């Protein structure tokens, strides 16, 4: 038996959200209210989409640049996040991707039960 045989993979959902920097606080609040235990932000994202090519960081303007926000949680939690983002994307540009993922330290991605 090798050390790799002792590692258990736990299936969860991952959501990746790309929005303008001005929407980051809204998304962060939504993630918290939905029950995620944390998230990762990558700033100054560039890419091509329906609205054409979007440059990364615009000089002196963090609000207009794109951010990528990633979080992991149970399917129920990620569905809450996606439902909360739906109205945002009806009024504002952005995109979200939901995929299956696996984690090793499951306890880091689940809210502790409150007594």
PDB file of N, CA and C in Angstrom:
ATOM      1  N   UNK A   1       0.850  -1.181   0.000  1.00  0.00           N
ATOM      2  CA  UNK A   1       0.000   0.000   0.000  1.00  0.00           C
ATOM      3  C   UNK A   1       0.897   1.248   0.000  1.00  0.00           C
ATOM      4  N   UNK A   2       0.619   2.169  -0.902  1.00  0.00           N
ATOM      5  CA  UNK A   2       1.394   3.406  -0.993  1.00  0.00           C
ATOM      6  C   UNK A   2       0.667   4.528  -0.271  1.00  0.00           C
ATOM      7  N   UNK A   3       1.374   5.616   0.086  1.00  0.00           N
ATOM      8  CA  UNK A   3       0.694   6.758   0.721  1.00  0.00           C
ATOM      9  C   UNK A   3      -0.467   7.294  -0.114  1.00  0.00           C
ATOM     10  N   UNK A   4      -0.366   7.188  -1.420  1.00  0.00           N
ATOM     11  CA  UNK A   4      -1.440   7.684  -2.283  1.00  0.00           C
ATOM     12  C   UNK A   4      -2.722   6.883  -2.125  1.00  0.00           C
ATOM     13  N   UNK A   5      -2.620   5.642  -1.672  1.00  0.00           N
ATOM     14  CA  UNK A   5      -3.813   4.814  -1.473  1.00  0.00           C
ATOM     15  C   UNK A   5      -4.652   5.278  -0.291  1.00  0.00           C
ATOM     16  N   UNK A   6      -4.057   6.045   0.617  1.00  0.00           N
ATOM     17  CA  UNK A   6      -4.765   6.533   1.810  1.00  0.00           C
ATOM     18  C   UNK A   6      -5.543   7.816   1.573  1.00  0.00           C
ATOM     19  N   UNK A   7      -5.447   8.395   0.386  1.00  0.00           N
ATOM     20  CA  UNK A   7      -6.105   9.670   0.113  1.00  0.00           C
ATOM     21  C   UNK A   7      -7.513   9.421  -0.405  1.00  0.00           C
ATOM     22  N   UNK A   8      -8.471  10.040   0.269  1.00  0.00           N
ATOM     23  CA  UNK A   8      -9.867   9.931  -0.157  1.00  0.00           C
ATOM     24  C   UNK A   8     -10.257  11.200  -0.903  1.00  0.00           C
ATOM     25  N   UNK A   9     -10.930  11.043  -2.027  1.00  0.00           N
ATOM     26  CA  UNK A   9     -11.446  12.169  -2.796  1.00  0.00           C
ATOM     27  C   UNK A   9     -12.938  12.309  -2.510  1.00  0.00           C
ATOM     28  N   UNK A  10     -13.365  13.539  -2.226  1.00  0.00           N
ATOM     29  CA  UNK A  10     -14.761  13.829  -1.918  1.00  0.00           C
ATOM     30  C   UNK A  10     -15.332  14.714  -3.012  1.00  0.00           C
ATOM     31  N   UNK A  11     -16.437  14.278  -3.615  1.00  0.00           N
ATOM     32  CA  UNK A  11     -17.023  14.986  -4.748  1.00  0.00           C
ATOM     33  C   UNK A  11     -17.838  16.194  -4.274  1.00  0.00           C
ATOM     34  N   UNK A  12     -17.555  17.353  -4.841  1.00  0.00           N
ATOM     35  CA  UNK A  12     -18.294  18.582  -4.589  1.00  0.00           C
ATOM     36  C   UNK A  12     -18.498  19.308  -5.918  1.00  0.00           C
ATOM     37  N   UNK A  13     -19.120  20.456  -5.872  1.00  0.00           N
ATOM     38  CA  UNK A  13     -19.303  21.307  -7.051  1.00  0.00           C
ATOM     39  C   UNK A  13     -18.398  22.529  -6.927  1.00  0.00           C
ATOM     40  N   UNK A  14     -17.910  22.991  -8.072  1.00  0.00           N
ATOM     41  CA  UNK A  14     -17.107  24.215  -8.121  1.00  0.00           C
ATOM     42  C   UNK A  14     -17.827  25.212  -9.012  1.00  0.00           C
ATOM     43  N   UNK A  15     -17.865  26.458  -8.570  1.00  0.00           N
ATOM     44  CA  UNK A  15     -18.427  27.524  -9.393  1.00  0.00           C
ATOM     45  C   UNK A  15     -17.327  28.543  -9.658  1.00  0.00           C
ATOM     46  N   UNK A  16     -17.234  28.949 -10.918  1.00  0.00           N
ATOM     47  CA  UNK A  16     -16.291  29.978 -11.337  1.00  0.00           C
ATOM     48  C   UNK A  16     -17.120  31.110 -11.917  1.00  0.00           C
ATOM     49  N   UNK A  17     -16.917  32.301 -11.404  1.00  0.00           N
ATOM     50  CA  UNK A  17     -17.738  33.455 -11.749  1.00  0.00           C
ATOM     51  C   UNK A  17     -16.817  34.560 -12.258  1.00  0.00           C
ATOM     52  N   UNK A  18     -17.111  35.082 -13.447  1.00  0.00           N
ATOM     53  CA  UNK A  18     -16.340  36.203 -13.984  1.00  0.00           C
ATOM     54  C   UNK A  18     -17.286  37.397 -14.097  1.00  0.00           C
ATOM     55  N   UNK A  19     -16.937  38.480 -13.390  1.00  0.00           N
ATOM     56  CA  UNK A  19     -17.749  39.699 -13.378  1.00  0.00           C
ATOM     57  C   UNK A  19     -16.818  40.906 -13.350  1.00  0.00           C
ATOM     58  N   UNK A  20     -17.392  42.073 -13.580  1.00  0.00           N
ATOM     59  CA  UNK A  20     -16.633  43.312 -13.407  1.00  0.00           C
ATOM     60  C   UNK A  20     -16.298  43.481 -11.929  1.00  0.00           C
ATOM     61  N   UNK A  21     -15.145  44.089 -11.675  1.00  0.00           N
ATOM     62  CA  UNK A  21     -14.687  44.290 -10.312  1.00  0.00           C
ATOM     63  C   UNK A  21     -15.703  44.969  -9.412  1.00  0.00           C
ATOM     64  N   UNK A  22     -16.528  45.835  -9.979  1.00  0.00           N
ATOM     65  CA  UNK A  22     -17.542  46.539  -9.179  1.00  0.00           C
ATOM     66  C   UNK A  22     -18.579  45.585  -8.602  1.00  0.00           C
ATOM     67  N   UNK A  23     -18.683  44.370  -9.122  1.00  0.00           N
ATOM     68  CA  UNK A  23     -19.657  43.372  -8.647  1.00  0.00           C
ATOM     69  C   UNK A  23     -19.040  42.383  -7.662  1.00  0.00           C
ATOM     70  N   UNK A  24     -17.744  42.507  -7.392  1.00  0.00           N
ATOM     71  CA  UNK A  24     -17.061  41.547  -6.528  1.00  0.00           C
ATOM     72  C   UNK A  24     -17.688  41.484  -5.134  1.00  0.00           C
ATOM     73  N   UNK A  25     -17.982  42.607  -4.526  1.00  0.00           N
ATOM     74  CA  UNK A  25     -18.559  42.623  -3.179  1.00  0.00           C
ATOM     75  C   UNK A  25     -19.914  41.923  -3.164  1.00  0.00           C
ATOM     76  N   UNK A  26     -20.733  42.141  -4.197  1.00  0.00           N
ATOM     77  CA  UNK A  26     -22.034  41.483  -4.296  1.00  0.00           C
ATOM     78  C   UNK A  26     -21.852  39.968  -4.336  1.00  0.00           C
ATOM     79  N   UNK A  27     -20.932  39.504  -5.187  1.00  0.00           N
ATOM     80  CA  UNK A  27     -20.699  38.064  -5.333  1.00  0.00           C
ATOM     81  C   UNK A  27     -20.154  37.476  -4.028  1.00  0.00           C
ATOM     82  N   UNK A  28     -19.224  38.166  -3.389  1.00  0.00           N
ATOM     83  CA  UNK A  28     -18.655  37.683  -2.132  1.00  0.00           C
ATOM     84  C   UNK A  28     -19.738  37.547  -1.062  1.00  0.00           C
ATOM     85  N   UNK A  29     -20.612  38.525  -0.967  1.00  0.00           N
ATOM     86  CA  UNK A  29     -21.717  38.469  -0.006  1.00  0.00           C
ATOM     87  C   UNK A  29     -22.656  37.307  -0.329  1.00  0.00           C
ATOM     88  N   UNK A  30     -22.959  37.119  -1.604  1.00  0.00           N
ATOM     89  CA  UNK A  30     -23.829  36.024  -2.028  1.00  0.00           C
ATOM     90  C   UNK A  30     -23.216  34.672  -1.664  1.00  0.00           C
ATOM     91  N   UNK A  31     -21.923  34.511  -1.914  1.00  0.00           N
ATOM     92  CA  UNK A  31     -21.240  33.258  -1.578  1.00  0.00           C
ATOM     93  C   UNK A  31     -21.332  32.978  -0.081  1.00  0.00           C
ATOM     94  N   UNK A  32     -21.134  33.995   0.717  1.00  0.00           N
ATOM     95  CA  UNK A  32     -21.209  33.834   2.170  1.00  0.00           C
ATOM     96  C   UNK A  32     -22.618  33.454   2.611  1.00  0.00           C
ATOM     97  N   UNK A  33     -23.618  34.182   2.102  1.00  0.00           N
ATOM     98  CA  UNK A  33     -25.011  33.904   2.480  1.00  0.00           C
ATOM     99  C   UNK A  33     -25.468  32.530   2.018  1.00  0.00           C
ATOM    100  N   UNK A  34     -24.927  32.033   0.903  1.00  0.00           N
ATOM    101  CA  UNK A  34     -25.315  30.726   0.378  1.00  0.00           C
ATOM    102  C   UNK A  34     -24.690  29.586   1.179  1.00  0.00           C
ATOM    103  N   UNK A  35     -23.627  29.880   1.932  1.00  0.00           N
ATOM    104  CA  UNK A  35     -23.039  28.851   2.776  1.00  0.00           C
ATOM    105  C   UNK A  35     -21.669  28.358   2.368  1.00  0.00           C
ATOM    106  N   UNK A  36     -21.017  29.026   1.412  1.00  0.00           N
ATOM    107  CA  UNK A  36     -19.658  28.610   1.090  1.00  0.00           C
ATOM    108  C   UNK A  36     -18.736  28.999   2.248  1.00  0.00           C
ATOM    109  N   UNK A  37     -17.646  28.287   2.394  1.00  0.00           N
ATOM    110  CA  UNK A  37     -16.731  28.550   3.504  1.00  0.00           C
ATOM    111  C   UNK A  37     -15.579  29.457   3.100  1.00  0.00           C
ATOM    112  N   UNK A  38     -15.531  29.829   1.839  1.00  0.00           N
ATOM    113  CA  UNK A  38     -14.477  30.703   1.357  1.00  0.00           C
ATOM    114  C   UNK A  38     -14.500  30.759  -0.155  1.00  0.00           C
ATOM    115  N   UNK A  39     -13.606  31.566  -0.704  1.00  0.00           N
ATOM    116  CA  UNK A  39     -13.522  31.704  -2.159  1.00  0.00           C
ATOM    117  C   UNK A  39     -12.153  32.246  -2.527  1.00  0.00           C
ATOM    118  N   UNK A  40     -11.831  32.137  -3.799  1.00  0.00           N
ATOM    119  CA  UNK A  40     -10.574  32.653  -4.332  1.00  0.00           C
ATOM    120  C   UNK A  40     -10.908  33.703  -5.379  1.00  0.00           C
ATOM    121  N   UNK A  41     -10.171  34.816  -5.379  1.00  0.00           N
ATOM    122  CA  UNK A  41     -10.358  35.885  -6.355  1.00  0.00           C
ATOM    123  C   UNK A  41      -9.083  36.034  -7.170  1.00  0.00           C
ATOM    124  N   UNK A  42      -9.238  36.038  -8.467  1.00  0.00           N
ATOM    125  CA  UNK A  42      -8.134  36.338  -9.373  1.00  0.00           C
ATOM    126  C   UNK A  42      -8.527  37.618 -10.094  1.00  0.00           C
ATOM    127  N   UNK A  43      -7.734  38.643  -9.916  1.00  0.00           N
ATOM    128  CA  UNK A  43      -8.042  39.958 -10.491  1.00  0.00           C
ATOM    129  C   UNK A  43      -7.430  40.119 -11.884  1.00  0.00           C
ATOM    130  N   UNK A  44      -7.943  41.095 -12.577  1.00  0.00           N
ATOM    131  CA  UNK A  44      -7.391  41.506 -13.871  1.00  0.00           C
ATOM    132  C   UNK A  44      -7.433  40.394 -14.913  1.00  0.00           C
ATOM    133  N   UNK A  45      -8.596  39.785 -15.038  1.00  0.00           N
ATOM    134  CA  UNK A  45      -8.794  38.711 -16.005  1.00  0.00           C
ATOM    135  C   UNK A  45      -9.064  39.337 -17.374  1.00  0.00           C
ATOM    136  N   UNK A  46      -8.507  38.758 -18.413  1.00  0.00           N
ATOM    137  CA  UNK A  46      -8.755  39.211 -19.783  1.00  0.00           C
ATOM    138  C   UNK A  46      -9.375  38.063 -20.564  1.00  0.00           C
ATOM    139  N   UNK A  47     -10.144  38.409 -21.599  1.00  0.00           N
ATOM    140  CA  UNK A  47     -10.721  37.347 -22.413  1.00  0.00           C
ATOM    141  C   UNK A  47     -11.656  37.864 -23.475  1.00  0.00           C
ATOM    142  N   UNK A  48     -12.149  36.939 -24.269  1.00  0.00           N
ATOM    143  CA  UNK A  48     -13.038  37.247 -25.386  1.00  0.00           C
ATOM    144  C   UNK A  48     -14.404  36.630 -25.125  1.00  0.00           C
ATOM    145  N   UNK A  49     -15.450  37.395 -25.358  1.00  0.00           N
ATOM    146  CA  UNK A  49     -16.809  36.903 -25.149  1.00  0.00           C
ATOM    147  C   UNK A  49     -17.782  37.617 -26.058  1.00  0.00           C
ATOM    148  N   UNK A  50     -19.053  37.562 -25.695  1.00  0.00           N
ATOM    149  CA  UNK A  50     -20.110  38.179 -26.511  1.00  0.00           C
ATOM    150  C   UNK A  50     -19.936  39.689 -26.648  1.00  0.00           C
ATOM    151  N   UNK A  51     -19.277  40.300 -25.699  1.00  0.00           N
ATOM    152  CA  UNK A  51     -19.080  41.750 -25.727  1.00  0.00           C
ATOM    153  C   UNK A  51     -17.713  42.131 -26.297  1.00  0.00           C
ATOM    154  N   UNK A  52     -17.059  41.187 -26.988  1.00  0.00           N
ATOM    155  CA  UNK A  52     -15.762  41.453 -27.582  1.00  0.00           C
ATOM    156  C   UNK A  52     -14.630  41.138 -26.626  1.00  0.00           C
ATOM    157  N   UNK A  53     -13.438  41.586 -26.979  1.00  0.00           N
ATOM    158  CA  UNK A  53     -12.274  41.320 -26.147  1.00  0.00           C
ATOM    159  C   UNK A  53     -12.240  42.303 -24.990  1.00  0.00           C
ATOM    160  N   UNK A  54     -11.989  41.781 -23.802  1.00  0.00           N
ATOM    161  CA  UNK A  54     -11.889  42.633 -22.620  1.00  0.00           C
ATOM    162  C   UNK A  54     -10.453  42.584 -22.122  1.00  0.00           C
ATOM    163  N   UNK A  55      -9.816  43.743 -22.103  1.00  0.00           N
ATOM    164  CA  UNK A  55      -8.450  43.849 -21.600  1.00  0.00           C
ATOM    165  C   UNK A  55      -8.430  43.525 -20.112  1.00  0.00           C
ATOM    166  N   UNK A  56      -7.254  43.212 -19.616  1.00  0.00           N
ATOM    167  CA  UNK A  56      -7.147  43.007 -18.175  1.00  0.00           C
ATOM    168  C   UNK A  56      -7.158  44.372 -17.497  1.00  0.00           C
ATOM    169  N   UNK A  57      -6.382  44.568 -16.508  1.00  0.00           N
ATOM    170  CA  UNK A  57      -6.452  45.777 -15.680  1.00  0.00           C
ATOM    171  C   UNK A  57      -6.420  47.070 -16.489  1.00  0.00           C
ATOM    172  N   UNK A  58      -7.375  47.909 -16.182  1.00  0.00           N
ATOM    173  CA  UNK A  58      -7.398  49.249 -16.744  1.00  0.00           C
ATOM    174  C   UNK A  58      -6.719  50.166 -15.734  1.00  0.00           C
ATOM    175  N   UNK A  59      -5.800  50.953 -16.157  1.00  0.00           N
ATOM    176  CA  UNK A  59      -5.006  51.787 -15.275  1.00  0.00           C
ATOM    177  C   UNK A  59      -5.886  52.600 -14.325  1.00  0.00           C
ATOM    178  N   UNK A  60      -5.629  52.481 -13.035  1.00  0.00           N
ATOM    179  CA  UNK A  60      -6.317  53.222 -11.973  1.00  0.00           C
ATOM    180  C   UNK A  60      -7.811  52.913 -11.874  1.00  0.00           C
ATOM    181  N   UNK A  61      -8.234  51.737 -12.330  1.00  0.00           N
ATOM    182  CA  UNK A  61      -9.663  51.453 -12.295  1.00  0.00           C
ATOM    183  C   UNK A  61      -9.910  49.978 -11.987  1.00  0.00           C
ATOM    184  N   UNK A  62      -9.836  49.597 -10.721  1.00  0.00           N
ATOM    185  CA  UNK A  62     -10.097  48.215 -10.321  1.00  0.00           C
ATOM    186  C   UNK A  62     -11.553  47.820 -10.525  1.00  0.00           C
ATOM    187  N   UNK A  63     -12.453  48.774 -10.523  1.00  0.00           N
ATOM    188  CA  UNK A  63     -13.871  48.473 -10.636  1.00  0.00           C
ATOM    189  C   UNK A  63     -14.262  48.012 -12.043  1.00  0.00           C
ATOM    190  N   UNK A  64     -13.568  48.478 -13.063  1.00  0.00           N
ATOM    191  CA  UNK A  64     -13.918  48.132 -14.441  1.00  0.00           C
ATOM    192  C   UNK A  64     -13.221  46.860 -14.913  1.00  0.00           C
ATOM    193  N   UNK A  65     -12.148  46.444 -14.232  1.00  0.00           N
ATOM    194  CA  UNK A  65     -11.454  45.232 -14.657  1.00  0.00           C
ATOM    195  C   UNK A  65     -12.283  44.009 -14.282  1.00  0.00           C
ATOM    196  N   UNK A  66     -12.017  42.905 -14.935  1.00  0.00           N
ATOM    197  CA  UNK A  66     -12.740  41.670 -14.651  1.00  0.00           C
ATOM    198  C   UNK A  66     -12.061  40.907 -13.519  1.00  0.00           C
ATOM    199  N   UNK A  67     -12.880  40.225 -12.719  1.00  0.00           N
ATOM    200  CA  UNK A  67     -12.367  39.352 -11.670  1.00  0.00           C
ATOM    201  C   UNK A  67     -12.959  37.959 -11.860  1.00  0.00           C
ATOM    202  N   UNK A  68     -12.186  36.958 -11.507  1.00  0.00           N
ATOM    203  CA  UNK A  68     -12.633  35.573 -11.501  1.00  0.00           C
ATOM    204  C   UNK A  68     -12.725  35.156 -10.037  1.00  0.00           C
ATOM    205  N   UNK A  69     -13.905  34.710  -9.636  1.00  0.00           N
ATOM    206  CA  UNK A  69     -14.144  34.293  -8.254  1.00  0.00           C
ATOM    207  C   UNK A  69     -14.518  32.815  -8.288  1.00  0.00           C
ATOM    208  N   UNK A  70     -13.798  32.002  -7.534  1.00  0.00           N
ATOM    209  CA  UNK A  70     -14.041  30.559  -7.513  1.00  0.00           C
ATOM    210  C   UNK A  70     -14.409  30.117  -6.105  1.00  0.00           C
ATOM    211  N   UNK A  71     -15.360  29.190  -6.015  1.00  0.00           N
ATOM    212  CA  UNK A  71     -15.749  28.621  -4.726  1.00  0.00           C
ATOM    213  C   UNK A  71     -16.149  27.168  -4.928  1.00  0.00           C
ATOM    214  N   UNK A  72     -16.087  26.410  -3.850  1.00  0.00           N
ATOM    215  CA  UNK A  72     -16.442  24.999  -3.865  1.00  0.00           C
ATOM    216  C   UNK A  72     -17.453  24.763  -2.758  1.00  0.00           C
ATOM    217  N   UNK A  73     -18.436  23.902  -3.025  1.00  0.00           N
ATOM    218  CA  UNK A  73     -19.423  23.572  -2.009  1.00  0.00           C
ATOM    219  C   UNK A  73     -20.282  22.407  -2.440  1.00  0.00           C
ATOM    220  N   UNK A  74     -21.251  22.104  -1.618  1.00  0.00           N
ATOM    221  CA  UNK A  74     -22.198  21.048  -1.963  1.00  0.00           C
ATOM    222  C   UNK A  74     -23.047  21.512  -3.150  1.00  0.00           C
ATOM    223  N   UNK A  75     -23.709  20.585  -3.794  1.00  0.00           N
ATOM    224  CA  UNK A  75     -24.571  20.973  -4.917  1.00  0.00           C
ATOM    225  C   UNK A  75     -25.645  21.951  -4.463  1.00  0.00           C
ATOM    226  N   UNK A  76     -26.220  21.732  -3.286  1.00  0.00           N
ATOM    227  CA  UNK A  76     -27.244  22.636  -2.766  1.00  0.00           C
ATOM    228  C   UNK A  76     -26.697  24.054  -2.602  1.00  0.00           C
ATOM    229  N   UNK A  77     -25.512  24.177  -2.051  1.00  0.00           N
ATOM    230  CA  UNK A  77     -24.894  25.489  -1.848  1.00  0.00           C
ATOM    231  C   UNK A  77     -24.626  26.182  -3.177  1.00  0.00           C
ATOM    232  N   UNK A  78     -24.052  25.464  -4.123  1.00  0.00           N
ATOM    233  CA  UNK A  78     -23.705  26.068  -5.417  1.00  0.00           C
ATOM    234  C   UNK A  78     -24.972  26.417  -6.204  1.00  0.00           C
ATOM    235  N   UNK A  79     -26.037  25.645  -6.046  1.00  0.00           N
ATOM    236  CA  UNK A  79     -27.319  26.007  -6.684  1.00  0.00           C
ATOM    237  C   UNK A  79     -27.845  27.325  -6.128  1.00  0.00           C
ATOM    238  N   UNK A  80     -27.689  27.546  -4.827  1.00  0.00           N
ATOM    239  CA  UNK A  80     -28.113  28.823  -4.220  1.00  0.00           C
ATOM    240  C   UNK A  80     -27.318  29.983  -4.827  1.00  0.00           C
ATOM    241  N   UNK A  81     -26.028  29.779  -5.000  1.00  0.00           N
ATOM    242  CA  UNK A  81     -25.185  30.826  -5.588  1.00  0.00           C
ATOM    243  C   UNK A  81     -25.634  31.114  -7.016  1.00  0.00           C
ATOM    244  N   UNK A  82     -25.824  30.057  -7.816  1.00  0.00           N
ATOM    245  CA  UNK A  82     -26.242  30.232  -9.212  1.00  0.00           C
ATOM    246  C   UNK A  82     -27.588  30.948  -9.294  1.00  0.00           C
ATOM    247  N   UNK A  83     -28.516  30.591  -8.417  1.00  0.00           N
ATOM    248  CA  UNK A  83     -29.827  31.249  -8.410  1.00  0.00           C
ATOM    249  C   UNK A  83     -29.683  32.727  -8.053  1.00  0.00           C
ATOM    250  N   UNK A  84     -28.794  33.043  -7.133  1.00  0.00           N
ATOM    251  CA  UNK A  84     -28.569  34.429  -6.747  1.00  0.00           C
ATOM    252  C   UNK A  84     -27.890  35.248  -7.828  1.00  0.00           C
ATOM    253  N   UNK A  85     -27.113  34.580  -8.677  1.00  0.00           N
ATOM    254  CA  UNK A  85     -26.420  35.281  -9.767  1.00  0.00           C
ATOM    255  C   UNK A  85     -27.311  35.518 -10.973  1.00  0.00           C
ATOM    256  N   UNK A  86     -28.356  34.732 -11.111  1.00  0.00           N
ATOM    257  CA  UNK A  86     -29.221  34.844 -12.296  1.00  0.00           C
ATOM    258  C   UNK A  86     -29.721  36.272 -12.521  1.00  0.00           C
ATOM    259  N   UNK A  87     -30.270  36.960 -11.507  1.00  0.00           N
ATOM    260  CA  UNK A  87     -30.722  38.345 -11.735  1.00  0.00           C
ATOM    261  C   UNK A  87     -29.576  39.293 -12.120  1.00  0.00           C
ATOM    262  N   UNK A  88     -28.389  39.073 -11.559  1.00  0.00           N
ATOM    263  CA  UNK A  88     -27.236  39.909 -11.899  1.00  0.00           C
ATOM    264  C   UNK A  88     -26.912  39.789 -13.378  1.00  0.00           C
ATOM    265  N   UNK A  89     -26.884  38.555 -13.885  1.00  0.00           N
ATOM    266  CA  UNK A  89     -26.521  38.336 -15.274  1.00  0.00           C
ATOM    267  C   UNK A  89     -27.631  38.742 -16.251  1.00  0.00           C
ATOM    268  N   UNK A  90     -28.839  38.957 -15.763  1.00  0.00           N
ATOM    269  CA  UNK A  90     -29.907  39.475 -16.616  1.00  0.00           C
ATOM    270  C   UNK A  90     -29.716  40.969 -16.870  1.00  0.00           C
ATOM    271  N   UNK A  91     -28.980  41.658 -15.959  1.00  0.00           N
ATOM    272  CA  UNK A  91     -28.780  43.100 -16.073  1.00  0.00           C
ATOM    273  C   UNK A  91     -27.343  43.496 -16.400  1.00  0.00           C
ATOM    274  N   UNK A  92     -26.408  42.597 -16.186  1.00  0.00           N
ATOM    275  CA  UNK A  92     -24.992  42.942 -16.277  1.00  0.00           C
ATOM    276  C   UNK A  92     -24.233  41.829 -16.988  1.00  0.00           C
ATOM    277  N   UNK A  93     -23.120  42.183 -17.602  1.00  0.00           N
ATOM    278  CA  UNK A  93     -22.324  41.153 -18.270  1.00  0.00           C
ATOM    279  C   UNK A  93     -21.587  40.316 -17.236  1.00  0.00           C
ATOM    280  N   UNK A  94     -21.295  39.105 -17.606  1.00  0.00           N
ATOM    281  CA  UNK A  94     -20.585  38.181 -16.739  1.00  0.00           C
ATOM    282  C   UNK A  94     -20.912  36.761 -17.149  1.00  0.00           C
ATOM    283  N   UNK A  95     -20.236  35.823 -16.519  1.00  0.00           N
ATOM    284  CA  UNK A  95     -20.447  34.423 -16.847  1.00  0.00           C
ATOM    285  C   UNK A  95     -20.147  33.576 -15.619  1.00  0.00           C
ATOM    286  N   UNK A  96     -20.791  32.420 -15.542  1.00  0.00           N
ATOM    287  CA  UNK A  96     -20.468  31.475 -14.474  1.00  0.00           C
ATOM    288  C   UNK A  96     -20.366  30.085 -15.073  1.00  0.00           C
ATOM    289  N   UNK A  97     -19.477  29.298 -14.488  1.00  0.00           N
ATOM    290  CA  UNK A  97     -19.287  27.911 -14.892  1.00  0.00           C
ATOM    291  C   UNK A  97     -19.436  27.054 -13.645  1.00  0.00           C
ATOM    292  N   UNK A  98     -20.171  25.957 -13.752  1.00  0.00           N
ATOM    293  CA  UNK A  98     -20.325  25.024 -12.643  1.00  0.00           C
ATOM    294  C   UNK A  98     -19.820  23.673 -13.117  1.00  0.00           C
ATOM    295  N   UNK A  99     -18.986  23.046 -12.294  1.00  0.00           N
ATOM    296  CA  UNK A  99     -18.423  21.755 -12.668  1.00  0.00           C
ATOM    297  C   UNK A  99     -18.255  20.873 -11.434  1.00  0.00           C
ATOM    298  N   UNK A 100     -18.111  19.576 -11.688  1.00  0.00           N
ATOM    299  CA  UNK A 100     -17.795  18.639 -10.620  1.00  0.00           C
ATOM    300  C   UNK A 100     -16.318  18.774 -10.285  1.00  0.00           C
ATOM    301  N   UNK A 101     -16.007  18.643  -9.021  1.00  0.00           N
ATOM    302  CA  UNK A 101     -14.614  18.654  -8.585  1.00  0.00           C
ATOM    303  C   UNK A 101     -14.482  17.707  -7.409  1.00  0.00           C
ATOM    304  N   UNK A 102     -13.282  17.435  -7.029  1.00  0.00           N
ATOM    305  CA  UNK A 102     -13.016  16.587  -5.870  1.00  0.00           C
ATOM    306  C   UNK A 102     -12.050  17.312  -4.948  1.00  0.00           C
ATOM    307  N   UNK A 103     -12.261  17.146  -3.650  1.00  0.00           N
ATOM    308  CA  UNK A 103     -11.362  17.731  -2.656  1.00  0.00           C
ATOM    309  C   UNK A 103     -10.857  16.629  -1.736  1.00  0.00           C
ATOM    310  N   UNK A 104      -9.747  16.889  -1.096  1.00  0.00           N
ATOM    311  CA  UNK A 104      -9.184  15.924  -0.153  1.00  0.00           C
ATOM    312  C   UNK A 104      -9.629  16.263   1.273  1.00  0.00           C
ATOM    313  N   UNK A 105      -9.579  17.523   1.635  1.00  0.00           N
ATOM    314  CA  UNK A 105      -9.939  17.941   3.000  1.00  0.00           C
ATOM    315  C   UNK A 105     -11.376  18.452   3.016  1.00  0.00           C
ATOM    316  N   UNK A 106     -12.326  17.549   3.034  1.00  0.00           N
ATOM    317  CA  UNK A 106     -13.752  17.877   2.941  1.00  0.00           C
ATOM    318  C   UNK A 106     -14.186  18.864   4.015  1.00  0.00           C
ATOM    319  N   UNK A 107     -13.642  18.731   5.211  1.00  0.00           N
ATOM    320  CA  UNK A 107     -14.059  19.589   6.334  1.00  0.00           C
ATOM    321  C   UNK A 107     -13.785  21.067   6.063  1.00  0.00           C
ATOM    322  N   UNK A 108     -12.895  21.377   5.140  1.00  0.00           N
ATOM    323  CA  UNK A 108     -12.596  22.781   4.809  1.00  0.00           C
ATOM    324  C   UNK A 108     -13.681  23.415   3.946  1.00  0.00           C
ATOM    325  N   UNK A 109     -14.560  22.600   3.378  1.00  0.00           N
ATOM    326  CA  UNK A 109     -15.537  23.112   2.421  1.00  0.00           C
ATOM    327  C   UNK A 109     -16.974  22.981   2.896  1.00  0.00           C
ATOM    328  N   UNK A 110     -17.166  22.526   4.104  1.00  0.00           N
ATOM    329  CA  UNK A 110     -18.498  22.374   4.666  1.00  0.00           C
ATOM    330  C   UNK A 110     -18.619  23.246   5.911  1.00  0.00           C
ATOM    331  N   UNK A 111     -19.759  23.906   6.049  1.00  0.00           N
ATOM    332  CA  UNK A 111     -20.008  24.719   7.244  1.00  0.00           C
ATOM    333  C   UNK A 111     -20.168  23.784   8.440  1.00  0.00           C
ATOM    334  N   UNK A 112     -19.590  24.156   9.555  1.00  0.00           N
ATOM    335  CA  UNK A 112     -19.757  23.380  10.777  1.00  0.00           C
ATOM    336  C   UNK A 112     -21.199  23.495  11.249  1.00  0.00           C
ATOM    337  N   UNK A 113     -21.742  22.416  11.732  1.00  0.00           N
ATOM    338  CA  UNK A 113     -23.108  22.434  12.253  1.00  0.00           C
ATOM    339  C   UNK A 113     -23.138  23.296  13.509  1.00  0.00           C
ATOM    340  N   UNK A 114     -24.126  24.179  13.573  1.00  0.00           N
ATOM    341  CA  UNK A 114     -24.248  25.048  14.751  1.00  0.00           C
ATOM    342  C   UNK A 114     -25.120  24.360  15.798  1.00  0.00           C
ATOM    343  N   UNK A 115     -24.741  24.505  17.042  1.00  0.00           N
ATOM    344  CA  UNK A 115     -25.473  23.846  18.129  1.00  0.00           C
ATOM    345  C   UNK A 115     -26.578  24.724  18.645  1.00  0.00           C
TER     346      UNK A 115
END
